[in-house]
Amino acid sequence: MVEKRMAQSKSCEGCSHAHDCKKAYEQLGCVEGPSVTRAVLLAFVAPIVAFIGALAGFGRLLENVVAESYQVPLAVVLALTTTIGVMLVVRVLIRPHQKQ
């Protein structure tokens, strides 16, 4: 680990921006902006939750309706379709509230 730190410091020795890097990272750390938590949850967690919920629901619905060998593939296709639909609806509903 010591060798890695030494190698990184040697690469900055001849750089004309060596002192500016520190300033740039300090400025990035002090930037005040809107929280991205909501966007991250909608973009990454919501599709996963929607897919798992739809997969469980369709799996339960198809238990006595479809042959056992077709239940899981059909449930997956229906869950993917439902997830895509949910995300499109969420996207349409959020669009008017986004800053331009």
PDB file of N, CA and C in Angstrom:
ATOM      1  N   MET A   1       0.823  -1.186   0.000  1.00  0.00           N
ATOM      2  CA  MET A   1       0.000   0.000   0.000  1.00  0.00           C
ATOM      3  C   MET A   1       0.868   1.250   0.000  1.00  0.00           C
ATOM      4  N   VAL A   2       2.009   1.206   0.641  1.00  0.00           N
ATOM      5  CA  VAL A   2       2.915   2.349   0.669  1.00  0.00           C
ATOM      6  C   VAL A   2       3.441   2.623  -0.725  1.00  0.00           C
ATOM      7  N   GLU A   3       3.753   1.574  -1.465  1.00  0.00           N
ATOM      8  CA  GLU A   3       4.274   1.757  -2.815  1.00  0.00           C
ATOM      9  C   GLU A   3       3.248   2.430  -3.712  1.00  0.00           C
ATOM     10  N   LYS A   4       2.002   2.094  -3.538  1.00  0.00           N
ATOM     11  CA  LYS A   4       0.951   2.686  -4.357  1.00  0.00           C
ATOM     12  C   LYS A   4       0.835   4.185  -4.102  1.00  0.00           C
ATOM     13  N   ARG A   5       0.918   4.601  -2.853  1.00  0.00           N
ATOM     14  CA  ARG A   5       0.848   6.026  -2.537  1.00  0.00           C
ATOM     15  C   ARG A   5       2.056   6.773  -3.101  1.00  0.00           C
ATOM     16  N   MET A   6       3.202   6.167  -3.019  1.00  0.00           N
ATOM     17  CA  MET A   6       4.406   6.808  -3.549  1.00  0.00           C
ATOM     18  C   MET A   6       4.292   6.950  -5.061  1.00  0.00           C
ATOM     19  N   ALA A   7       3.756   5.941  -5.727  1.00  0.00           N
ATOM     20  CA  ALA A   7       3.620   6.004  -7.180  1.00  0.00           C
ATOM     21  C   ALA A   7       2.646   7.107  -7.573  1.00  0.00           C
ATOM     22  N   GLN A   8       1.581   7.284  -6.821  1.00  0.00           N
ATOM     23  CA  GLN A   8       0.621   8.329  -7.135  1.00  0.00           C
ATOM     24  C   GLN A   8       1.234   9.710  -6.942  1.00  0.00           C
ATOM     25  N   SER A   9       2.016   9.896  -5.911  1.00  0.00           N
ATOM     26  CA  SER A   9       2.611  11.208  -5.682  1.00  0.00           C
ATOM     27  C   SER A   9       3.680  11.514  -6.722  1.00  0.00           C
ATOM     28  N   LYS A  10       4.390  10.513  -7.201  1.00  0.00           N
ATOM     29  CA  LYS A  10       5.392  10.733  -8.235  1.00  0.00           C
ATOM     30  C   LYS A  10       4.745  11.183  -9.542  1.00  0.00           C
ATOM     31  N   SER A  11       3.545  10.691  -9.817  1.00  0.00           N
ATOM     32  CA  SER A  11       2.884  11.069 -11.075  1.00  0.00           C
ATOM     33  C   SER A  11       2.463  12.533 -11.071  1.00  0.00           C
ATOM     34  N   CYS A  12       2.327  13.128  -9.892  1.00  0.00           N
ATOM     35  CA  CYS A  12       1.917  14.523  -9.802  1.00  0.00           C
ATOM     36  C   CYS A  12       3.105  15.490  -9.806  1.00  0.00           C
ATOM     37  N   GLU A  13       4.296  14.989  -9.678  1.00  0.00           N
ATOM     38  CA  GLU A  13       5.465  15.861  -9.558  1.00  0.00           C
ATOM     39  C   GLU A  13       5.656  16.774 -10.755  1.00  0.00           C
ATOM     40  N   GLY A  14       5.502  16.252 -11.949  1.00  0.00           N
ATOM     41  CA  GLY A  14       5.744  17.065 -13.133  1.00  0.00           C
ATOM     42  C   GLY A  14       4.499  17.727 -13.691  1.00  0.00           C
ATOM     43  N   CYS A  15       3.394  17.552 -13.037  1.00  0.00           N
ATOM     44  CA  CYS A  15       2.118  18.069 -13.544  1.00  0.00           C
ATOM     45  C   CYS A  15       1.969  19.551 -13.188  1.00  0.00           C
ATOM     46  N   SER A  16       1.532  20.336 -14.163  1.00  0.00           N
ATOM     47  CA  SER A  16       1.340  21.763 -13.916  1.00  0.00           C
ATOM     48  C   SER A  16       0.058  22.033 -13.134  1.00  0.00           C
ATOM     49  N   HIS A  17      -0.815  21.048 -13.032  1.00  0.00           N
ATOM     50  CA  HIS A  17      -2.084  21.203 -12.326  1.00  0.00           C
ATOM     51  C   HIS A  17      -2.063  20.528 -10.956  1.00  0.00           C
ATOM     52  N   ALA A  18      -0.899  20.201 -10.445  1.00  0.00           N
ATOM     53  CA  ALA A  18      -0.799  19.456  -9.187  1.00  0.00           C
ATOM     54  C   ALA A  18      -1.475  20.192  -8.038  1.00  0.00           C
ATOM     55  N   HIS A  19      -1.350  21.508  -7.973  1.00  0.00           N
ATOM     56  CA  HIS A  19      -1.946  22.271  -6.881  1.00  0.00           C
ATOM     57  C   HIS A  19      -3.434  22.549  -7.137  1.00  0.00           C
ATOM     58  N   ASP A  20      -3.821  22.596  -8.413  1.00  0.00           N
ATOM     59  CA  ASP A  20      -5.219  22.857  -8.751  1.00  0.00           C
ATOM     60  C   ASP A  20      -6.122  21.656  -8.459  1.00  0.00           C
ATOM     61  N   CYS A  21      -5.569  20.443  -8.490  1.00  0.00           N
ATOM     62  CA  CYS A  21      -6.376  19.252  -8.215  1.00  0.00           C
ATOM     63  C   CYS A  21      -6.978  19.325  -6.826  1.00  0.00           C
ATOM     64  N   LYS A  22      -6.174  19.711  -5.866  1.00  0.00           N
ATOM     65  CA  LYS A  22      -6.644  19.783  -4.492  1.00  0.00           C
ATOM     66  C   LYS A  22      -7.780  20.797  -4.380  1.00  0.00           C
ATOM     67  N   LYS A  23      -7.634  21.933  -5.032  1.00  0.00           N
ATOM     68  CA  LYS A  23      -8.679  22.961  -5.001  1.00  0.00           C
ATOM     69  C   LYS A  23      -9.968  22.460  -5.650  1.00  0.00           C
ATOM     70  N   ALA A  24      -9.831  21.751  -6.753  1.00  0.00           N
ATOM     71  CA  ALA A  24     -11.005  21.244  -7.462  1.00  0.00           C
ATOM     72  C   ALA A  24     -11.770  20.251  -6.592  1.00  0.00           C
ATOM     73  N   TYR A  25     -11.054  19.347  -5.939  1.00  0.00           N
ATOM     74  CA  TYR A  25     -11.726  18.376  -5.082  1.00  0.00           C
ATOM     75  C   TYR A  25     -12.332  19.037  -3.854  1.00  0.00           C
ATOM     76  N   GLU A  26     -11.722  20.070  -3.325  1.00  0.00           N
ATOM     77  CA  GLU A  26     -12.301  20.798  -2.207  1.00  0.00           C
ATOM     78  C   GLU A  26     -13.597  21.485  -2.635  1.00  0.00           C
ATOM     79  N   GLN A  27     -13.606  22.070  -3.839  1.00  0.00           N
ATOM     80  CA  GLN A  27     -14.807  22.726  -4.335  1.00  0.00           C
ATOM     81  C   GLN A  27     -15.931  21.719  -4.564  1.00  0.00           C
ATOM     82  N   LEU A  28     -15.594  20.536  -5.077  1.00  0.00           N
ATOM     83  CA  LEU A  28     -16.615  19.517  -5.298  1.00  0.00           C
ATOM     84  C   LEU A  28     -17.230  19.059  -3.983  1.00  0.00           C
ATOM     85  N   GLY A  29     -16.426  18.995  -2.941  1.00  0.00           N
ATOM     86  CA  GLY A  29     -16.922  18.580  -1.642  1.00  0.00           C
ATOM     87  C   GLY A  29     -17.815  19.612  -0.991  1.00  0.00           C
ATOM     88  N   CYS A  30     -17.679  20.867  -1.370  1.00  0.00           N
ATOM     89  CA  CYS A  30     -18.463  21.938  -0.760  1.00  0.00           C
ATOM     90  C   CYS A  30     -19.693  22.323  -1.581  1.00  0.00           C
ATOM     91  N   VAL A  31     -19.897  21.661  -2.703  1.00  0.00           N
ATOM     92  CA  VAL A  31     -21.008  22.019  -3.576  1.00  0.00           C
ATOM     93  C   VAL A  31     -22.324  21.659  -2.895  1.00  0.00           C
ATOM     94  N   GLU A  32     -23.223  22.607  -2.857  1.00  0.00           N
ATOM     95  CA  GLU A  32     -24.556  22.378  -2.313  1.00  0.00           C
ATOM     96  C   GLU A  32     -25.506  22.154  -3.484  1.00  0.00           C
ATOM     97  N   GLY A  33     -26.232  21.080  -3.434  1.00  0.00           N
ATOM     98  CA  GLY A  33     -27.162  20.787  -4.505  1.00  0.00           C
ATOM     99  C   GLY A  33     -28.323  19.965  -3.986  1.00  0.00           C
ATOM    100  N   PRO A  34     -29.258  19.699  -4.871  1.00  0.00           N
ATOM    101  CA  PRO A  34     -30.420  18.923  -4.448  1.00  0.00           C
ATOM    102  C   PRO A  34     -30.026  17.477  -4.141  1.00  0.00           C
ATOM    103  N   SER A  35     -30.756  16.864  -3.256  1.00  0.00           N
ATOM    104  CA  SER A  35     -30.511  15.478  -2.895  1.00  0.00           C
ATOM    105  C   SER A  35     -30.882  14.575  -4.068  1.00  0.00           C
ATOM    106  N   VAL A  36     -30.065  13.587  -4.313  1.00  0.00           N
ATOM    107  CA  VAL A  36     -30.320  12.657  -5.408  1.00  0.00           C
ATOM    108  C   VAL A  36     -30.949  11.360  -4.906  1.00  0.00           C
ATOM    109  N   THR A  37     -31.255  11.298  -3.628  1.00  0.00           N
ATOM    110  CA  THR A  37     -31.794  10.076  -3.048  1.00  0.00           C
ATOM    111  C   THR A  37     -33.096   9.660  -3.716  1.00  0.00           C
ATOM    112  N   ARG A  38     -33.979  10.595  -3.909  1.00  0.00           N
ATOM    113  CA  ARG A  38     -35.271  10.290  -4.528  1.00  0.00           C
ATOM    114  C   ARG A  38     -35.095   9.760  -5.949  1.00  0.00           C
ATOM    115  N   ALA A  39     -34.230  10.399  -6.712  1.00  0.00           N
ATOM    116  CA  ALA A  39     -33.994   9.968  -8.092  1.00  0.00           C
ATOM    117  C   ALA A  39     -33.364   8.577  -8.131  1.00  0.00           C
ATOM    118  N   VAL A  40     -32.438   8.327  -7.217  1.00  0.00           N
ATOM    119  CA  VAL A  40     -31.782   7.021  -7.174  1.00  0.00           C
ATOM    120  C   VAL A  40     -32.781   5.937  -6.807  1.00  0.00           C
ATOM    121  N   LEU A  41     -33.635   6.215  -5.835  1.00  0.00           N
ATOM    122  CA  LEU A  41     -34.647   5.234  -5.449  1.00  0.00           C
ATOM    123  C   LEU A  41     -35.597   4.934  -6.600  1.00  0.00           C
ATOM    124  N   LEU A  42     -36.020   5.968  -7.309  1.00  0.00           N
ATOM    125  CA  LEU A  42     -36.922   5.753  -8.441  1.00  0.00           C
ATOM    126  C   LEU A  42     -36.236   5.038  -9.598  1.00  0.00           C
ATOM    127  N   ALA A  43     -34.975   5.324  -9.798  1.00  0.00           N
ATOM    128  CA  ALA A  43     -34.270   4.753 -10.939  1.00  0.00           C
ATOM    129  C   ALA A  43     -33.801   3.321 -10.701  1.00  0.00           C
ATOM    130  N   PHE A  44     -33.430   2.993  -9.475  1.00  0.00           N
ATOM    131  CA  PHE A  44     -32.818   1.691  -9.237  1.00  0.00           C
ATOM    132  C   PHE A  44     -33.648   0.765  -8.346  1.00  0.00           C
ATOM    133  N   VAL A  45     -34.221   1.294  -7.293  1.00  0.00           N
ATOM    134  CA  VAL A  45     -34.935   0.443  -6.344  1.00  0.00           C
ATOM    135  C   VAL A  45     -36.365   0.164  -6.813  1.00  0.00           C
ATOM    136  N   ALA A  46     -37.048   1.162  -7.327  1.00  0.00           N
ATOM    137  CA  ALA A  46     -38.434   0.990  -7.749  1.00  0.00           C
ATOM    138  C   ALA A  46     -38.610  -0.105  -8.808  1.00  0.00           C
ATOM    139  N   PRO A  47     -37.776  -0.170  -9.843  1.00  0.00           N
ATOM    140  CA  PRO A  47     -37.950  -1.258 -10.822  1.00  0.00           C
ATOM    141  C   PRO A  47     -37.736  -2.643 -10.220  1.00  0.00           C
ATOM    142  N   ILE A  48     -36.787  -2.748  -9.309  1.00  0.00           N
ATOM    143  CA  ILE A  48     -36.521  -4.047  -8.685  1.00  0.00           C
ATOM    144  C   ILE A  48     -37.707  -4.470  -7.824  1.00  0.00           C
ATOM    145  N   VAL A  49     -38.221  -3.539  -7.037  1.00  0.00           N
ATOM    146  CA  VAL A  49     -39.370  -3.843  -6.183  1.00  0.00           C
ATOM    147  C   VAL A  49     -40.593  -4.165  -7.032  1.00  0.00           C
ATOM    148  N   ALA A  50     -40.801  -3.409  -8.090  1.00  0.00           N
ATOM    149  CA  ALA A  50     -41.946  -3.665  -8.974  1.00  0.00           C
ATOM    150  C   ALA A  50     -41.826  -5.038  -9.624  1.00  0.00           C
ATOM    151  N   PHE A  51     -40.625  -5.397 -10.066  1.00  0.00           N
ATOM    152  CA  PHE A  51     -40.426  -6.693 -10.709  1.00  0.00           C
ATOM    153  C   PHE A  51     -40.665  -7.841  -9.728  1.00  0.00           C
ATOM    154  N   ILE A  52     -40.091  -7.731  -8.539  1.00  0.00           N
ATOM    155  CA  ILE A  52     -40.253  -8.800  -7.548  1.00  0.00           C
ATOM    156  C   ILE A  52     -41.717  -8.943  -7.144  1.00  0.00           C
ATOM    157  N   GLY A  53     -42.386  -7.823  -6.921  1.00  0.00           N
ATOM    158  CA  GLY A  53     -43.802  -7.874  -6.569  1.00  0.00           C
ATOM    159  C   GLY A  53     -44.647  -8.472  -7.674  1.00  0.00           C
ATOM    160  N   ALA A  54     -44.398  -8.051  -8.905  1.00  0.00           N
ATOM    161  CA  ALA A  54     -45.157  -8.575 -10.043  1.00  0.00           C
ATOM    162  C   ALA A  54     -44.859 -10.054 -10.257  1.00  0.00           C
ATOM    163  N   LEU A  55     -43.612 -10.448 -10.102  1.00  0.00           N
ATOM    164  CA  LEU A  55     -43.242 -11.860 -10.275  1.00  0.00           C
ATOM    165  C   LEU A  55     -43.938 -12.724  -9.231  1.00  0.00           C
ATOM    166  N   ALA A  56     -43.954 -12.277  -7.999  1.00  0.00           N
ATOM    167  CA  ALA A  56     -44.640 -13.037  -6.941  1.00  0.00           C
ATOM    168  C   ALA A  56     -46.135 -13.099  -7.208  1.00  0.00           C
ATOM    169  N   GLY A  57     -46.716 -11.978  -7.601  1.00  0.00           N
ATOM    170  CA  GLY A  57     -48.151 -11.947  -7.872  1.00  0.00           C
ATOM    171  C   GLY A  57     -48.549 -12.832  -9.039  1.00  0.00           C
ATOM    172  N   PHE A  58     -47.818 -12.717 -10.133  1.00  0.00           N
ATOM    173  CA  PHE A  58     -48.145 -13.537 -11.297  1.00  0.00           C
ATOM    174  C   PHE A  58     -47.835 -15.006 -11.046  1.00  0.00           C
ATOM    175  N   GLY A  59     -46.812 -15.294 -10.285  1.00  0.00           N
ATOM    176  CA  GLY A  59     -46.508 -16.685  -9.935  1.00  0.00           C
ATOM    177  C   GLY A  59     -47.646 -17.320  -9.169  1.00  0.00           C
ATOM    178  N   ARG A  60     -48.205 -16.551  -8.237  1.00  0.00           N
ATOM    179  CA  ARG A  60     -49.330 -17.052  -7.437  1.00  0.00           C
ATOM    180  C   ARG A  60     -50.586 -17.192  -8.307  1.00  0.00           C
ATOM    181  N   LEU A  61     -50.825 -16.233  -9.188  1.00  0.00           N
ATOM    182  CA  LEU A  61     -52.017 -16.292 -10.043  1.00  0.00           C
ATOM    183  C   LEU A  61     -51.982 -17.447 -11.039  1.00  0.00           C
ATOM    184  N   LEU A  62     -50.787 -17.782 -11.511  1.00  0.00           N
ATOM    185  CA  LEU A  62     -50.661 -18.808 -12.555  1.00  0.00           C
ATOM    186  C   LEU A  62     -50.540 -20.221 -12.001  1.00  0.00           C
ATOM    187  N   GLU A  63     -50.542 -20.395 -10.688  1.00  0.00           N
ATOM    188  CA  GLU A  63     -50.335 -21.716 -10.090  1.00  0.00           C
ATOM    189  C   GLU A  63     -51.327 -22.750 -10.600  1.00  0.00           C
ATOM    190  N   ASN A  64     -52.583 -22.460 -10.617  1.00  0.00           N
ATOM    191  CA  ASN A  64     -53.610 -23.448 -10.990  1.00  0.00           C
ATOM    192  C   ASN A  64     -54.180 -23.232 -12.385  1.00  0.00           C
ATOM    193  N   VAL A  65     -53.628 -22.248 -13.108  1.00  0.00           N
ATOM    194  CA  VAL A  65     -54.194 -21.918 -14.411  1.00  0.00           C
ATOM    195  C   VAL A  65     -53.365 -22.495 -15.557  1.00  0.00           C
ATOM    196  N   VAL A  66     -52.036 -22.479 -15.420  1.00  0.00           N
ATOM    197  CA  VAL A  66     -51.119 -22.871 -16.484  1.00  0.00           C
ATOM    198  C   VAL A  66     -50.353 -24.115 -16.040  1.00  0.00           C
ATOM    199  N   ALA A  67     -49.919 -24.896 -17.008  1.00  0.00           N
ATOM    200  CA  ALA A  67     -49.114 -26.081 -16.700  1.00  0.00           C
ATOM    201  C   ALA A  67     -47.857 -25.664 -15.944  1.00  0.00           C
ATOM    202  N   GLU A  68     -47.387 -26.533 -15.075  1.00  0.00           N
ATOM    203  CA  GLU A  68     -46.270 -26.199 -14.173  1.00  0.00           C
ATOM    204  C   GLU A  68     -45.002 -25.785 -14.922  1.00  0.00           C
ATOM    205  N   SER A  69     -44.732 -26.399 -16.054  1.00  0.00           N
ATOM    206  CA  SER A  69     -43.502 -26.069 -16.791  1.00  0.00           C
ATOM    207  C   SER A  69     -43.531 -24.679 -17.416  1.00  0.00           C
ATOM    208  N   TYR A  70     -44.711 -24.110 -17.598  1.00  0.00           N
ATOM    209  CA  TYR A  70     -44.842 -22.787 -18.210  1.00  0.00           C
ATOM    210  C   TYR A  70     -45.054 -21.659 -17.202  1.00  0.00           C
ATOM    211  N   GLN A  71     -45.244 -21.987 -15.949  1.00  0.00           N
ATOM    212  CA  GLN A  71     -45.580 -20.980 -14.951  1.00  0.00           C
ATOM    213  C   GLN A  71     -44.482 -19.941 -14.767  1.00  0.00           C
ATOM    214  N   VAL A  72     -43.257 -20.384 -14.528  1.00  0.00           N
ATOM    215  CA  VAL A  72     -42.162 -19.436 -14.250  1.00  0.00           C
ATOM    216  C   VAL A  72     -41.828 -18.584 -15.473  1.00  0.00           C
ATOM    217  N   PRO A  73     -41.631 -19.174 -16.663  1.00  0.00           N
ATOM    218  CA  PRO A  73     -41.325 -18.304 -17.813  1.00  0.00           C
ATOM    219  C   PRO A  73     -42.430 -17.291 -18.108  1.00  0.00           C
ATOM    220  N   LEU A  74     -43.671 -17.705 -17.997  1.00  0.00           N
ATOM    221  CA  LEU A  74     -44.777 -16.792 -18.253  1.00  0.00           C
ATOM    222  C   LEU A  74     -44.852 -15.710 -17.181  1.00  0.00           C
ATOM    223  N   ALA A  75     -44.617 -16.090 -15.935  1.00  0.00           N
ATOM    224  CA  ALA A  75     -44.619 -15.108 -14.844  1.00  0.00           C
ATOM    225  C   ALA A  75     -43.502 -14.089 -15.036  1.00  0.00           C
ATOM    226  N   VAL A  76     -42.338 -14.528 -15.494  1.00  0.00           N
ATOM    227  CA  VAL A  76     -41.208 -13.609 -15.722  1.00  0.00           C
ATOM    228  C   VAL A  76     -41.544 -12.626 -16.833  1.00  0.00           C
ATOM    229  N   VAL A  77     -42.107 -13.118 -17.924  1.00  0.00           N
ATOM    230  CA  VAL A  77     -42.466 -12.237 -19.037  1.00  0.00           C
ATOM    231  C   VAL A  77     -43.516 -11.219 -18.603  1.00  0.00           C
ATOM    232  N   LEU A  78     -44.519 -11.676 -17.883  1.00  0.00           N
ATOM    233  CA  LEU A  78     -45.556 -10.764 -17.404  1.00  0.00           C
ATOM    234  C   LEU A  78     -44.996  -9.761 -16.391  1.00  0.00           C
ATOM    235  N   ALA A  79     -44.093 -10.209 -15.541  1.00  0.00           N
ATOM    236  CA  ALA A  79     -43.484  -9.302 -14.557  1.00  0.00           C
ATOM    237  C   ALA A  79     -42.615  -8.253 -15.238  1.00  0.00           C
ATOM    238  N   LEU A  80     -41.862  -8.650 -16.247  1.00  0.00           N
ATOM    239  CA  LEU A  80     -41.050  -7.675 -16.992  1.00  0.00           C
ATOM    240  C   LEU A  80     -41.936  -6.647 -17.690  1.00  0.00           C
ATOM    241  N   THR A  81     -43.009  -7.124 -18.295  1.00  0.00           N
ATOM    242  CA  THR A  81     -43.936  -6.216 -18.973  1.00  0.00           C
ATOM    243  C   THR A  81     -44.566  -5.245 -17.980  1.00  0.00           C
ATOM    244  N   THR A  82     -44.966  -5.765 -16.837  1.00  0.00           N
ATOM    245  CA  THR A  82     -45.562  -4.916 -15.802  1.00  0.00           C
ATOM    246  C   THR A  82     -44.558  -3.893 -15.286  1.00  0.00           C
ATOM    247  N   THR A  83     -43.328  -4.314 -15.074  1.00  0.00           N
ATOM    248  CA  THR A  83     -42.285  -3.407 -14.585  1.00  0.00           C
ATOM    249  C   THR A  83     -42.025  -2.287 -15.577  1.00  0.00           C
ATOM    250  N   ILE A  84     -41.945  -2.636 -16.838  1.00  0.00           N
ATOM    251  CA  ILE A  84     -41.739  -1.614 -17.870  1.00  0.00           C
ATOM    252  C   ILE A  84     -42.916  -0.637 -17.888  1.00  0.00           C
ATOM    253  N   GLY A  85     -44.120  -1.169 -17.780  1.00  0.00           N
ATOM    254  CA  GLY A  85     -45.302  -0.306 -17.748  1.00  0.00           C
ATOM    255  C   GLY A  85     -45.307   0.619 -16.547  1.00  0.00           C
ATOM    256  N   VAL A  86     -44.969   0.084 -15.382  1.00  0.00           N
ATOM    257  CA  VAL A  86     -44.925   0.905 -14.167  1.00  0.00           C
ATOM    258  C   VAL A  86     -43.890   2.010 -14.314  1.00  0.00           C
ATOM    259  N   MET A  87     -42.719   1.693 -14.826  1.00  0.00           N
ATOM    260  CA  MET A  87     -41.667   2.695 -14.964  1.00  0.00           C
ATOM    261  C   MET A  87     -42.040   3.762 -15.996  1.00  0.00           C
ATOM    262  N   LEU A  88     -42.741   3.376 -17.050  1.00  0.00           N
ATOM    263  CA  LEU A  88     -43.206   4.372 -18.019  1.00  0.00           C
ATOM    264  C   LEU A  88     -44.234   5.305 -17.390  1.00  0.00           C
ATOM    265  N   VAL A  89     -45.132   4.760 -16.592  1.00  0.00           N
ATOM    266  CA  VAL A  89     -46.135   5.590 -15.914  1.00  0.00           C
ATOM    267  C   VAL A  89     -45.451   6.539 -14.935  1.00  0.00           C
ATOM    268  N   VAL A  90     -44.496   6.031 -14.172  1.00  0.00           N
ATOM    269  CA  VAL A  90     -43.764   6.875 -13.221  1.00  0.00           C
ATOM    270  C   VAL A  90     -43.038   7.988 -13.967  1.00  0.00           C
ATOM    271  N   ARG A  91     -42.444   7.648 -15.085  1.00  0.00           N
ATOM    272  CA  ARG A  91     -41.719   8.645 -15.873  1.00  0.00           C
ATOM    273  C   ARG A  91     -42.657   9.746 -16.386  1.00  0.00           C
ATOM    274  N   VAL A  92     -43.832   9.356 -16.846  1.00  0.00           N
ATOM    275  CA  VAL A  92     -44.802  10.341 -17.327  1.00  0.00           C
ATOM    276  C   VAL A  92     -45.297  11.211 -16.192  1.00  0.00           C
ATOM    277  N   LEU A  93     -45.523  10.622 -15.029  1.00  0.00           N
ATOM    278  CA  LEU A  93     -46.006  11.391 -13.893  1.00  0.00           C
ATOM    279  C   LEU A  93     -44.955  12.346 -13.325  1.00  0.00           C
ATOM    280  N   ILE A  94     -43.702  11.979 -13.436  1.00  0.00           N
ATOM    281  CA  ILE A  94     -42.623  12.810 -12.888  1.00  0.00           C
ATOM    282  C   ILE A  94     -42.232  13.947 -13.838  1.00  0.00           C
ATOM    283  N   ARG A  95     -42.422  13.746 -15.106  1.00  0.00           N
ATOM    284  CA  ARG A  95     -41.971  14.729 -16.094  1.00  0.00           C
ATOM    285  C   ARG A  95     -42.420  16.154 -15.811  1.00  0.00           C
ATOM    286  N   PRO A  96     -43.666  16.432 -15.457  1.00  0.00           N
ATOM    287  CA  PRO A  96     -44.069  17.814 -15.200  1.00  0.00           C
ATOM    288  C   PRO A  96     -43.389  18.437 -13.960  1.00  0.00           C
ATOM    289  N   HIS A  97     -42.914  17.604 -13.051  1.00  0.00           N
ATOM    290  CA  HIS A  97     -42.320  18.112 -11.819  1.00  0.00           C
ATOM    291  C   HIS A  97     -40.809  18.333 -11.906  1.00  0.00           C
ATOM    292  N   GLN A  98     -40.198  17.911 -12.999  1.00  0.00           N
ATOM    293  CA  GLN A  98     -38.742  18.080 -13.144  1.00  0.00           C
ATOM    294  C   GLN A  98     -38.407  19.513 -13.536  1.00  0.00           C
ATOM    295  N   LYS A  99     -37.262  19.986 -13.026  1.00  0.00           N
ATOM    296  CA  LYS A  99     -36.783  21.313 -13.424  1.00  0.00           C
ATOM    297  C   LYS A  99     -36.176  21.224 -14.807  1.00  0.00           C
ATOM    298  N   GLN A 100     -36.365  22.291 -15.561  1.00  0.00           N
ATOM    299  CA  GLN A 100     -35.817  22.269 -16.927  1.00  0.00           C
ATOM    300  C   GLN A 100     -34.642  23.167 -17.068  1.00  0.00           C
TER     301      GLN A 100
END
